[in-house]
Amino acid sequence: MIDLTGKVAIVTGASRGVGKGIARGLGEFGATVYVTGRTEKGEHLPAFLKETSIYQTAEEVTSLGGVGIAYRCNHAIDEEVEALFTHVMEEQGKVDILVNNAWGGGIHAWQAYFFHTPFWEQPITLWDDNYQVGVRSNYVASRCAAKIMAEQKSGIIINVSFYGGRNYLNNVAYGVCKASVDRLSADMAYELKDHHVPVFSLYPGQVRTEGMIEFAKHNEAIDIGAMESPQFVGRCIAYVANDHEAIKDTGKILITAEIAQHYGFTDVDGKQPKSLKAALW
């Protein structure tokens, strides 16, 4: 069993979905987790998301054994991101883990045009939102973290990506976003390696987020039981962050199922998820 007690993590976009699971996964190993995002109240959201918020996630982190701290931050606004890191340093004096998970494309994913529509018939805002919060926001947050971690000579940055960075998936804007995240990870890793700060892109598998659970109610072909839990993604990050030899693989793309196989742990339901690499790489 690993122990992240005393480690300070920032997880962006953690009100719900994969980000919430990441925060929970770090919290179960004792980490202090700053849960960032815009959602303070879910009343304006669809019914299946109304109970989601940065405060709810922070409470769950604490209930699992960590220290959850909610911090409202719009990751499309540089000044708010910079204020976040200033705040964390004032309270904690360090940053050990940054997980860039916030993604602006989610507001489009429920629209019919997101799938099976040529890019010339999609709104330009699809590109803008993928880039602004999904690539640029990763760069801004990582820039803030890197200044701290380079001085510390320690820390880790994880950028949540997906197989669309390797092969066509969903649409043009989505694929370019994920490929950019992967290149961002590789190049940041190159510059941070001498400071002993590893950087990785992380590919989850299919994850049973709130949205997928809701979608499955209307599509019998979706097998929720075969998917990874959001918390499993957090467990994967926890194990990598705890590995003092992780720097040797810095810049690589990591796959959640393969991380679990390597370190010998399972999902919260005891299952061993299978890598999607053979099908989607």
C-alpha atoms as a PDB file:
ATOM      1  CA  MET A   1       0.000   0.000   0.000  1.00  0.00           C
ATOM      2  CA  ILE A   2       1.374   3.399  -0.934  1.00  0.00           C
ATOM      3  CA  ASP A   3       1.125   6.490   1.247  1.00  0.00           C
ATOM      4  CA  LEU A   4       0.731  10.022  -0.136  1.00  0.00           C
ATOM      5  CA  THR A   5       0.152  11.626   3.253  1.00  0.00           C
ATOM      6  CA  GLY A   6       1.671  15.090   3.176  1.00  0.00           C
ATOM      7  CA  LYS A   7       1.730  15.255  -0.616  1.00  0.00           C
ATOM      8  CA  VAL A   8      -0.038  18.268  -2.139  1.00  0.00           C
ATOM      9  CA  ALA A   9      -1.954  17.743  -5.361  1.00  0.00           C
ATOM     10  CA  ILE A  10      -3.904  20.036  -7.669  1.00  0.00           C
ATOM     11  CA  VAL A  11      -6.517  18.385  -9.887  1.00  0.00           C
ATOM     12  CA  THR A  12      -8.142  20.595 -12.508  1.00  0.00           C
ATOM     13  CA  GLY A  13     -11.700  20.021 -13.671  1.00  0.00           C
ATOM     14  CA  ALA A  14     -12.535  17.858 -10.661  1.00  0.00           C
ATOM     15  CA  SER A  15     -16.196  18.679 -10.070  1.00  0.00           C
ATOM     16  CA  ARG A  16     -17.276  15.444 -11.743  1.00  0.00           C
ATOM     17  CA  GLY A  17     -16.259  12.685 -14.127  1.00  0.00           C
ATOM     18  CA  VAL A  18     -12.655  11.587 -14.499  1.00  0.00           C
ATOM     19  CA  GLY A  19     -11.377  14.602 -12.566  1.00  0.00           C
ATOM     20  CA  LYS A  20     -13.504  13.739  -9.566  1.00  0.00           C
ATOM     21  CA  GLY A  21     -12.283  10.155  -9.724  1.00  0.00           C
ATOM     22  CA  ILE A  22      -8.671  11.318  -9.864  1.00  0.00           C
ATOM     23  CA  ALA A  23      -9.156  13.457  -6.776  1.00  0.00           C
ATOM     24  CA  ARG A  24     -10.770  10.521  -4.962  1.00  0.00           C
ATOM     25  CA  GLY A  25      -8.001   8.155  -6.050  1.00  0.00           C
ATOM     26  CA  LEU A  26      -5.320  10.464  -4.668  1.00  0.00           C
ATOM     27  CA  GLY A  27      -7.345  11.081  -1.535  1.00  0.00           C
ATOM     28  CA  GLU A  28      -7.659   7.408  -0.665  1.00  0.00           C
ATOM     29  CA  PHE A  29      -3.878   7.320  -0.258  1.00  0.00           C
ATOM     30  CA  GLY A  30      -3.856  10.333   2.052  1.00  0.00           C
ATOM     31  CA  ALA A  31      -2.983  13.200  -0.293  1.00  0.00           C
ATOM     32  CA  THR A  32      -4.059  16.777   0.245  1.00  0.00           C
ATOM     33  CA  VAL A  33      -6.030  17.518  -2.916  1.00  0.00           C
ATOM     34  CA  TYR A  34      -7.041  20.928  -4.224  1.00  0.00           C
ATOM     35  CA  VAL A  35     -10.216  20.242  -6.177  1.00  0.00           C
ATOM     36  CA  THR A  36     -10.530  22.931  -8.835  1.00  0.00           C
ATOM     37  CA  GLY A  37     -13.252  23.772 -11.300  1.00  0.00           C
ATOM     38  CA  ARG A  38     -16.128  26.172 -11.866  1.00  0.00           C
ATOM     39  CA  THR A  39     -19.055  24.214 -10.435  1.00  0.00           C
ATOM     40  CA  GLU A  40     -19.980  25.344  -6.951  1.00  0.00           C
ATOM     41  CA  LYS A  41     -23.646  24.407  -7.306  1.00  0.00           C
ATOM     42  CA  GLY A  42     -25.064  21.878  -9.734  1.00  0.00           C
ATOM     43  CA  GLU A  43     -28.579  23.280  -9.865  1.00  0.00           C
ATOM     44  CA  HIS A  44     -28.141  24.520 -13.451  1.00  0.00           C
ATOM     45  CA  LEU A  45     -26.909  21.128 -14.647  1.00  0.00           C
ATOM     46  CA  PRO A  46     -28.886  18.120 -15.948  1.00  0.00           C
ATOM     47  CA  ALA A  47     -30.593  16.034 -13.259  1.00  0.00           C
ATOM     48  CA  PHE A  48     -27.891  13.341 -13.222  1.00  0.00           C
ATOM     49  CA  LEU A  49     -25.219  15.977 -12.471  1.00  0.00           C
ATOM     50  CA  LYS A  50     -27.039  18.161  -9.951  1.00  0.00           C
ATOM     51  CA  GLU A  51     -25.186  16.685  -6.984  1.00  0.00           C
ATOM     52  CA  THR A  52     -21.756  17.349  -8.492  1.00  0.00           C
ATOM     53  CA  SER A  53     -19.560  20.254  -7.409  1.00  0.00           C
ATOM     54  CA  ILE A  54     -16.045  21.041  -6.251  1.00  0.00           C
ATOM     55  CA  TYR A  55     -17.332  20.961  -2.672  1.00  0.00           C
ATOM     56  CA  GLN A  56     -18.885  17.523  -3.035  1.00  0.00           C
ATOM     57  CA  THR A  57     -15.686  16.142  -4.506  1.00  0.00           C
ATOM     58  CA  ALA A  58     -13.611  17.694  -1.713  1.00  0.00           C
ATOM     59  CA  GLU A  59     -15.869  16.108   0.896  1.00  0.00           C
ATOM     60  CA  GLU A  60     -15.442  12.706  -0.719  1.00  0.00           C
ATOM     61  CA  VAL A  61     -11.668  13.101  -0.829  1.00  0.00           C
ATOM     62  CA  THR A  62     -11.680  13.781   2.905  1.00  0.00           C
ATOM     63  CA  SER A  63     -14.034  10.891   3.641  1.00  0.00           C
ATOM     64  CA  LEU A  64     -11.604   8.531   1.884  1.00  0.00           C
ATOM     65  CA  GLY A  65      -8.710   9.549   4.132  1.00  0.00           C
ATOM     66  CA  GLY A  66      -7.207  12.506   2.316  1.00  0.00           C
ATOM     67  CA  VAL A  67      -7.667  16.236   2.756  1.00  0.00           C
ATOM     68  CA  GLY A  68     -10.018  17.679   0.179  1.00  0.00           C
ATOM     69  CA  ILE A  69      -9.925  21.433  -0.436  1.00  0.00           C
ATOM     70  CA  ALA A  70     -12.366  22.991  -2.901  1.00  0.00           C
ATOM     71  CA  TYR A  71     -11.069  25.963  -4.895  1.00  0.00           C
ATOM     72  CA  ARG A  72     -13.149  27.644  -7.556  1.00  0.00           C
ATOM     73  CA  CYS A  73     -11.078  28.335 -10.657  1.00  0.00           C
ATOM     74  CA  ASN A  74     -11.972  29.015 -14.273  1.00  0.00           C
ATOM     75  CA  HIS A  75      -9.042  27.491 -16.113  1.00  0.00           C
ATOM     76  CA  ALA A  76      -9.747  29.622 -19.155  1.00  0.00           C
ATOM     77  CA  ILE A  77      -8.656  32.697 -17.181  1.00  0.00           C
ATOM     78  CA  ASP A  78      -4.893  32.913 -16.634  1.00  0.00           C
ATOM     79  CA  GLU A  79      -5.157  35.213 -13.641  1.00  0.00           C
ATOM     80  CA  GLU A  80      -7.382  32.751 -11.794  1.00  0.00           C
ATOM     81  CA  VAL A  81      -4.931  29.915 -12.466  1.00  0.00           C
ATOM     82  CA  GLU A  82      -2.011  31.980 -11.230  1.00  0.00           C
ATOM     83  CA  ALA A  83      -4.003  32.939  -8.135  1.00  0.00           C
ATOM     84  CA  LEU A  84      -4.677  29.247  -7.487  1.00  0.00           C
ATOM     85  CA  PHE A  85      -0.981  28.401  -7.360  1.00  0.00           C
ATOM     86  CA  THR A  86      -0.214  31.445  -5.232  1.00  0.00           C
ATOM     87  CA  HIS A  87      -2.932  30.351  -2.811  1.00  0.00           C
ATOM     88  CA  VAL A  88      -1.653  26.778  -2.613  1.00  0.00           C
ATOM     89  CA  MET A  89       1.905  27.934  -1.988  1.00  0.00           C
ATOM     90  CA  GLU A  90       0.743  30.290   0.753  1.00  0.00           C
ATOM     91  CA  GLU A  91      -1.161  27.451   2.450  1.00  0.00           C
ATOM     92  CA  GLN A  92       1.145  24.488   1.773  1.00  0.00           C
ATOM     93  CA  GLY A  93       4.530  25.827   0.682  1.00  0.00           C
ATOM     94  CA  LYS A  94       4.818  23.272  -2.132  1.00  0.00           C
ATOM     95  CA  VAL A  95       3.080  21.486  -4.993  1.00  0.00           C
ATOM     96  CA  ASP A  96       3.880  17.793  -5.464  1.00  0.00           C
ATOM     97  CA  ILE A  97       1.345  16.686  -8.083  1.00  0.00           C
ATOM     98  CA  LEU A  98      -0.427  18.567 -10.860  1.00  0.00           C
ATOM     99  CA  VAL A  99      -3.099  16.747 -12.855  1.00  0.00           C
ATOM    100  CA  ASN A 100      -4.344  18.690 -15.862  1.00  0.00           C
ATOM    101  CA  ASN A 101      -7.770  17.208 -16.507  1.00  0.00           C
ATOM    102  CA  ALA A 102      -9.995  20.203 -17.321  1.00  0.00           C
ATOM    103  CA  TRP A 103     -11.466  19.961 -20.833  1.00  0.00           C
ATOM    104  CA  GLY A 104     -13.673  22.520 -22.538  1.00  0.00           C
ATOM    105  CA  GLY A 105     -14.941  20.132 -25.194  1.00  0.00           C
ATOM    106  CA  GLY A 106     -17.392  18.514 -22.817  1.00  0.00           C
ATOM    107  CA  ILE A 107     -20.064  21.116 -23.557  1.00  0.00           C
ATOM    108  CA  HIS A 108     -20.060  19.883 -27.160  1.00  0.00           C
ATOM    109  CA  ALA A 109     -19.952  16.143 -26.495  1.00  0.00           C
ATOM    110  CA  TRP A 110     -23.698  15.941 -25.914  1.00  0.00           C
ATOM    111  CA  GLN A 111     -24.453  17.612 -29.252  1.00  0.00           C
ATOM    112  CA  ALA A 112     -25.267  15.526 -32.332  1.00  0.00           C
ATOM    113  CA  TYR A 113     -22.575  17.264 -34.399  1.00  0.00           C
ATOM    114  CA  PHE A 114     -19.773  15.992 -32.108  1.00  0.00           C
ATOM    115  CA  PHE A 115     -19.863  12.590 -33.824  1.00  0.00           C
ATOM    116  CA  HIS A 116     -20.155  11.654 -37.499  1.00  0.00           C
ATOM    117  CA  THR A 117     -20.126  15.247 -38.724  1.00  0.00           C
ATOM    118  CA  PRO A 118     -17.393  16.621 -41.041  1.00  0.00           C
ATOM    119  CA  PHE A 119     -15.332  19.390 -39.511  1.00  0.00           C
ATOM    120  CA  TRP A 120     -16.514  21.941 -42.061  1.00  0.00           C
ATOM    121  CA  GLU A 121     -20.047  21.529 -40.747  1.00  0.00           C
ATOM    122  CA  GLN A 122     -19.105  21.841 -37.072  1.00  0.00           C
ATOM    123  CA  PRO A 123     -19.020  25.136 -35.169  1.00  0.00           C
ATOM    124  CA  ILE A 124     -15.666  26.869 -34.812  1.00  0.00           C
ATOM    125  CA  THR A 125     -16.343  27.015 -31.078  1.00  0.00           C
ATOM    126  CA  LEU A 126     -15.662  23.271 -30.939  1.00  0.00           C
ATOM    127  CA  TRP A 127     -12.049  23.983 -31.859  1.00  0.00           C
ATOM    128  CA  ASP A 128     -11.808  27.013 -29.589  1.00  0.00           C
ATOM    129  CA  ASP A 129     -13.150  25.197 -26.535  1.00  0.00           C
ATOM    130  CA  ASN A 130     -10.925  22.137 -27.070  1.00  0.00           C
ATOM    131  CA  TYR A 131      -7.891  24.377 -27.354  1.00  0.00           C
ATOM    132  CA  GLN A 132      -8.650  26.969 -24.655  1.00  0.00           C
ATOM    133  CA  VAL A 133      -9.411  24.495 -21.874  1.00  0.00           C
ATOM    134  CA  GLY A 134      -7.692  21.307 -22.906  1.00  0.00           C
ATOM    135  CA  VAL A 135      -4.384  22.487 -24.361  1.00  0.00           C
ATOM    136  CA  ARG A 136      -3.725  26.107 -23.453  1.00  0.00           C
ATOM    137  CA  SER A 137      -5.014  25.656 -19.907  1.00  0.00           C
ATOM    138  CA  ASN A 138      -2.664  22.690 -19.464  1.00  0.00           C
ATOM    139  CA  TYR A 139       0.231  24.863 -20.583  1.00  0.00           C
ATOM    140  CA  VAL A 140      -0.669  27.720 -18.227  1.00  0.00           C
ATOM    141  CA  ALA A 141      -1.146  25.488 -15.169  1.00  0.00           C
ATOM    142  CA  SER A 142       2.004  23.520 -15.975  1.00  0.00           C
ATOM    143  CA  ARG A 143       3.966  26.749 -16.330  1.00  0.00           C
ATOM    144  CA  CYS A 144       2.901  27.750 -12.822  1.00  0.00           C
ATOM    145  CA  ALA A 145       3.675  24.304 -11.429  1.00  0.00           C
ATOM    146  CA  ALA A 146       7.015  23.994 -13.223  1.00  0.00           C
ATOM    147  CA  LYS A 147       8.373  27.151 -11.604  1.00  0.00           C
ATOM    148  CA  ILE A 148       7.637  25.627  -8.201  1.00  0.00           C
ATOM    149  CA  MET A 149       8.708  22.068  -8.976  1.00  0.00           C
ATOM    150  CA  ALA A 150      11.961  23.067 -10.682  1.00  0.00           C
ATOM    151  CA  GLU A 151      12.900  24.980  -7.542  1.00  0.00           C
ATOM    152  CA  GLN A 152      11.887  22.026  -5.354  1.00  0.00           C
ATOM    153  CA  LYS A 153      13.676  19.529  -7.606  1.00  0.00           C
ATOM    154  CA  SER A 154      10.623  17.326  -7.190  1.00  0.00           C
ATOM    155  CA  GLY A 155       7.042  16.888  -8.317  1.00  0.00           C
ATOM    156  CA  ILE A 156       5.116  15.330 -11.180  1.00  0.00           C
ATOM    157  CA  ILE A 157       2.792  16.626 -13.903  1.00  0.00           C
ATOM    158  CA  ILE A 158       0.135  14.411 -15.471  1.00  0.00           C
ATOM    159  CA  ASN A 159      -1.848  15.540 -18.511  1.00  0.00           C
ATOM    160  CA  VAL A 160      -5.028  13.535 -19.085  1.00  0.00           C
ATOM    161  CA  SER A 161      -5.292  12.688 -22.769  1.00  0.00           C
ATOM    162  CA  PHE A 162      -6.840   9.885 -24.827  1.00  0.00           C
ATOM    163  CA  TYR A 163      -6.364   7.668 -27.872  1.00  0.00           C
ATOM    164  CA  GLY A 164      -7.631  10.412 -30.181  1.00  0.00           C
ATOM    165  CA  GLY A 165      -4.074  11.706 -29.997  1.00  0.00           C
ATOM    166  CA  ARG A 166      -2.918   8.620 -31.893  1.00  0.00           C
ATOM    167  CA  ASN A 167      -5.785   7.806 -34.266  1.00  0.00           C
ATOM    168  CA  TYR A 168      -8.895   9.488 -35.591  1.00  0.00           C
ATOM    169  CA  LEU A 169     -11.565   9.588 -32.885  1.00  0.00           C
ATOM    170  CA  ASN A 170     -14.772  11.656 -32.645  1.00  0.00           C
ATOM    171  CA  ASN A 171     -13.746  14.650 -34.762  1.00  0.00           C
ATOM    172  CA  VAL A 172     -10.823  16.711 -36.049  1.00  0.00           C
ATOM    173  CA  ALA A 173     -10.757  19.245 -33.209  1.00  0.00           C
ATOM    174  CA  TYR A 174     -10.790  16.493 -30.583  1.00  0.00           C
ATOM    175  CA  GLY A 175      -7.921  14.593 -32.176  1.00  0.00           C
ATOM    176  CA  VAL A 176      -5.750  17.669 -32.600  1.00  0.00           C
ATOM    177  CA  CYS A 177      -6.417  18.591 -28.963  1.00  0.00           C
ATOM    178  CA  LYS A 178      -5.269  15.204 -27.675  1.00  0.00           C
ATOM    179  CA  ALA A 179      -2.256  15.033 -29.986  1.00  0.00           C
ATOM    180  CA  SER A 180      -1.253  18.498 -28.779  1.00  0.00           C
ATOM    181  CA  VAL A 181      -1.521  17.392 -25.162  1.00  0.00           C
ATOM    182  CA  ASP A 182       0.761  14.447 -25.887  1.00  0.00           C
ATOM    183  CA  ARG A 183       3.376  16.644 -27.560  1.00  0.00           C
ATOM    184  CA  LEU A 184       3.080  19.171 -24.737  1.00  0.00           C
ATOM    185  CA  SER A 185       3.836  16.417 -22.244  1.00  0.00           C
ATOM    186  CA  ALA A 186       6.828  15.162 -24.206  1.00  0.00           C
ATOM    187  CA  ASP A 187       8.403  18.593 -24.656  1.00  0.00           C
ATOM    188  CA  MET A 188       7.785  19.712 -21.073  1.00  0.00           C
ATOM    189  CA  ALA A 189       9.323  16.427 -19.932  1.00  0.00           C
ATOM    190  CA  TYR A 190      12.450  17.198 -21.963  1.00  0.00           C
ATOM    191  CA  GLU A 191      12.930  20.572 -20.292  1.00  0.00           C
ATOM    192  CA  LEU A 192      12.052  19.382 -16.769  1.00  0.00           C
ATOM    193  CA  LYS A 193      14.026  16.145 -16.729  1.00  0.00           C
ATOM    194  CA  ASP A 194      17.187  17.702 -15.292  1.00  0.00           C
ATOM    195  CA  HIS A 195      15.051  19.121 -12.485  1.00  0.00           C
ATOM    196  CA  HIS A 196      13.822  15.604 -11.660  1.00  0.00           C
ATOM    197  CA  VAL A 197      10.209  16.441 -12.506  1.00  0.00           C
ATOM    198  CA  PRO A 198       8.590  13.757 -14.707  1.00  0.00           C
ATOM    199  CA  VAL A 199       5.736  14.635 -17.062  1.00  0.00           C
ATOM    200  CA  PHE A 200       3.331  12.149 -18.637  1.00  0.00           C
ATOM    201  CA  SER A 201       0.269  11.967 -20.825  1.00  0.00           C
ATOM    202  CA  LEU A 202      -2.251   9.548 -19.388  1.00  0.00           C
ATOM    203  CA  TYR A 203      -4.734   7.500 -21.432  1.00  0.00           C
ATOM    204  CA  PRO A 204      -7.647   6.155 -19.393  1.00  0.00           C
ATOM    205  CA  GLY A 205      -9.794   3.411 -20.875  1.00  0.00           C
ATOM    206  CA  GLN A 206     -13.552   3.701 -21.207  1.00  0.00           C
ATOM    207  CA  VAL A 207     -14.614   5.255 -17.894  1.00  0.00           C
ATOM    208  CA  ARG A 208     -18.004   4.971 -16.232  1.00  0.00           C
ATOM    209  CA  THR A 209     -18.497   8.651 -15.538  1.00  0.00           C
ATOM    210  CA  GLU A 210     -21.845  10.130 -14.605  1.00  0.00           C
ATOM    211  CA  GLY A 211     -22.391  10.924 -18.263  1.00  0.00           C
ATOM    212  CA  MET A 212     -21.642   7.405 -19.443  1.00  0.00           C
ATOM    213  CA  ILE A 213     -23.932   5.918 -16.806  1.00  0.00           C
ATOM    214  CA  GLU A 214     -26.734   8.210 -17.988  1.00  0.00           C
ATOM    215  CA  PHE A 215     -26.009   7.476 -21.647  1.00  0.00           C
ATOM    216  CA  ALA A 216     -26.136   3.736 -20.970  1.00  0.00           C
ATOM    217  CA  LYS A 217     -29.726   4.086 -19.793  1.00  0.00           C
ATOM    218  CA  HIS A 218     -30.638   4.948 -23.372  1.00  0.00           C
ATOM    219  CA  ASN A 219     -28.241   2.617 -25.183  1.00  0.00           C
ATOM    220  CA  GLU A 220     -28.235  -1.092 -24.338  1.00  0.00           C
ATOM    221  CA  ALA A 221     -24.978  -1.599 -26.248  1.00  0.00           C
ATOM    222  CA  ILE A 222     -23.018   0.244 -23.564  1.00  0.00           C
ATOM    223  CA  ASP A 223     -21.614  -2.108 -20.924  1.00  0.00           C
ATOM    224  CA  ILE A 224     -20.977   0.016 -17.855  1.00  0.00           C
ATOM    225  CA  GLY A 225     -19.690  -2.991 -15.921  1.00  0.00           C
ATOM    226  CA  ALA A 226     -16.798  -3.405 -18.345  1.00  0.00           C
ATOM    227  CA  MET A 227     -15.576   0.153 -17.874  1.00  0.00           C
ATOM    228  CA  GLU A 228     -12.988   1.568 -15.500  1.00  0.00           C
ATOM    229  CA  SER A 229     -14.187   3.559 -12.513  1.00  0.00           C
ATOM    230  CA  PRO A 230     -13.116   7.213 -12.399  1.00  0.00           C
ATOM    231  CA  GLN A 231     -11.344   6.472  -9.115  1.00  0.00           C
ATOM    232  CA  PHE A 232      -9.224   3.845 -10.867  1.00  0.00           C
ATOM    233  CA  VAL A 233      -7.663   6.639 -12.934  1.00  0.00           C
ATOM    234  CA  GLY A 234      -6.733   8.376  -9.695  1.00  0.00           C
ATOM    235  CA  ARG A 235      -5.229   5.193  -8.308  1.00  0.00           C
ATOM    236  CA  CYS A 236      -3.023   4.954 -11.387  1.00  0.00           C
ATOM    237  CA  ILE A 237      -1.753   8.489 -10.889  1.00  0.00           C
ATOM    238  CA  ALA A 238      -1.134   7.812  -7.204  1.00  0.00           C
ATOM    239  CA  TYR A 239       1.077   4.819  -7.972  1.00  0.00           C
ATOM    240  CA  VAL A 240       3.076   6.675 -10.615  1.00  0.00           C
ATOM    241  CA  ALA A 241       3.483   9.698  -8.330  1.00  0.00           C
ATOM    242  CA  ASN A 242       4.761   7.389  -5.583  1.00  0.00           C
ATOM    243  CA  ASP A 243       7.369   5.806  -7.863  1.00  0.00           C
ATOM    244  CA  HIS A 244      10.752   7.446  -7.262  1.00  0.00           C
ATOM    245  CA  GLU A 245      12.040   5.904 -10.503  1.00  0.00           C
ATOM    246  CA  ALA A 246       9.273   7.412 -12.676  1.00  0.00           C
ATOM    247  CA  ILE A 247      11.686   9.978 -14.117  1.00  0.00           C
ATOM    248  CA  LYS A 248      13.266   7.281 -16.286  1.00  0.00           C
ATOM    249  CA  ASP A 249      10.074   7.092 -18.365  1.00  0.00           C
ATOM    250  CA  THR A 250       9.326  10.798 -18.427  1.00  0.00           C
ATOM    251  CA  GLY A 251       7.624  12.087 -21.561  1.00  0.00           C
ATOM    252  CA  LYS A 252       5.897   8.824 -22.364  1.00  0.00           C
ATOM    253  CA  ILE A 253       2.215   8.091 -22.808  1.00  0.00           C
ATOM    254  CA  LEU A 254       0.944   5.906 -19.975  1.00  0.00           C
ATOM    255  CA  ILE A 255      -2.171   3.721 -20.195  1.00  0.00           C
ATOM    256  CA  THR A 256      -4.181   3.201 -17.017  1.00  0.00           C
ATOM    257  CA  ALA A 257      -4.759  -0.544 -17.416  1.00  0.00           C
ATOM    258  CA  GLU A 258      -1.048  -1.101 -18.079  1.00  0.00           C
ATOM    259  CA  ILE A 259      -0.086   0.962 -15.034  1.00  0.00           C
ATOM    260  CA  ALA A 260      -2.286  -1.276 -12.875  1.00  0.00           C
ATOM    261  CA  GLN A 261      -0.745  -4.405 -14.349  1.00  0.00           C
ATOM    262  CA  HIS A 262       2.760  -3.052 -13.783  1.00  0.00           C
ATOM    263  CA  TYR A 263       2.219  -2.112 -10.129  1.00  0.00           C
ATOM    264  CA  GLY A 264      -0.161  -4.964  -9.334  1.00  0.00           C
ATOM    265  CA  PHE A 265      -3.369  -3.277  -8.220  1.00  0.00           C
ATOM    266  CA  THR A 266      -7.005  -3.405  -9.317  1.00  0.00           C
ATOM    267  CA  ASP A 267     -10.016  -1.176  -9.762  1.00  0.00           C
ATOM    268  CA  VAL A 268     -12.292  -0.406  -6.809  1.00  0.00           C
ATOM    269  CA  ASP A 269     -14.466  -3.416  -7.737  1.00  0.00           C
ATOM    270  CA  GLY A 270     -11.471  -5.755  -7.749  1.00  0.00           C
ATOM    271  CA  LYS A 271     -11.401  -6.062 -11.531  1.00  0.00           C
ATOM    272  CA  GLN A 272      -8.297  -5.747 -13.687  1.00  0.00           C
ATOM    273  CA  PRO A 273      -9.210  -3.476 -16.621  1.00  0.00           C
ATOM    274  CA  LYS A 274      -7.856  -4.351 -20.059  1.00  0.00           C
ATOM    275  CA  SER A 275      -5.727  -1.992 -22.108  1.00  0.00           C
ATOM    276  CA  LEU A 276      -7.341  -0.550 -25.234  1.00  0.00           C
ATOM    277  CA  LYS A 277      -3.968  -0.105 -26.910  1.00  0.00           C
ATOM    278  CA  ALA A 278      -4.365  -2.955 -29.390  1.00  0.00           C
ATOM    279  CA  ALA A 279      -7.696  -1.603 -30.616  1.00  0.00           C
ATOM    280  CA  LEU A 280      -7.170   2.161 -30.511  1.00  0.00           C
ATOM    281  CA  TRP A 281      -3.420   2.928 -30.668  1.00  0.00           C
END
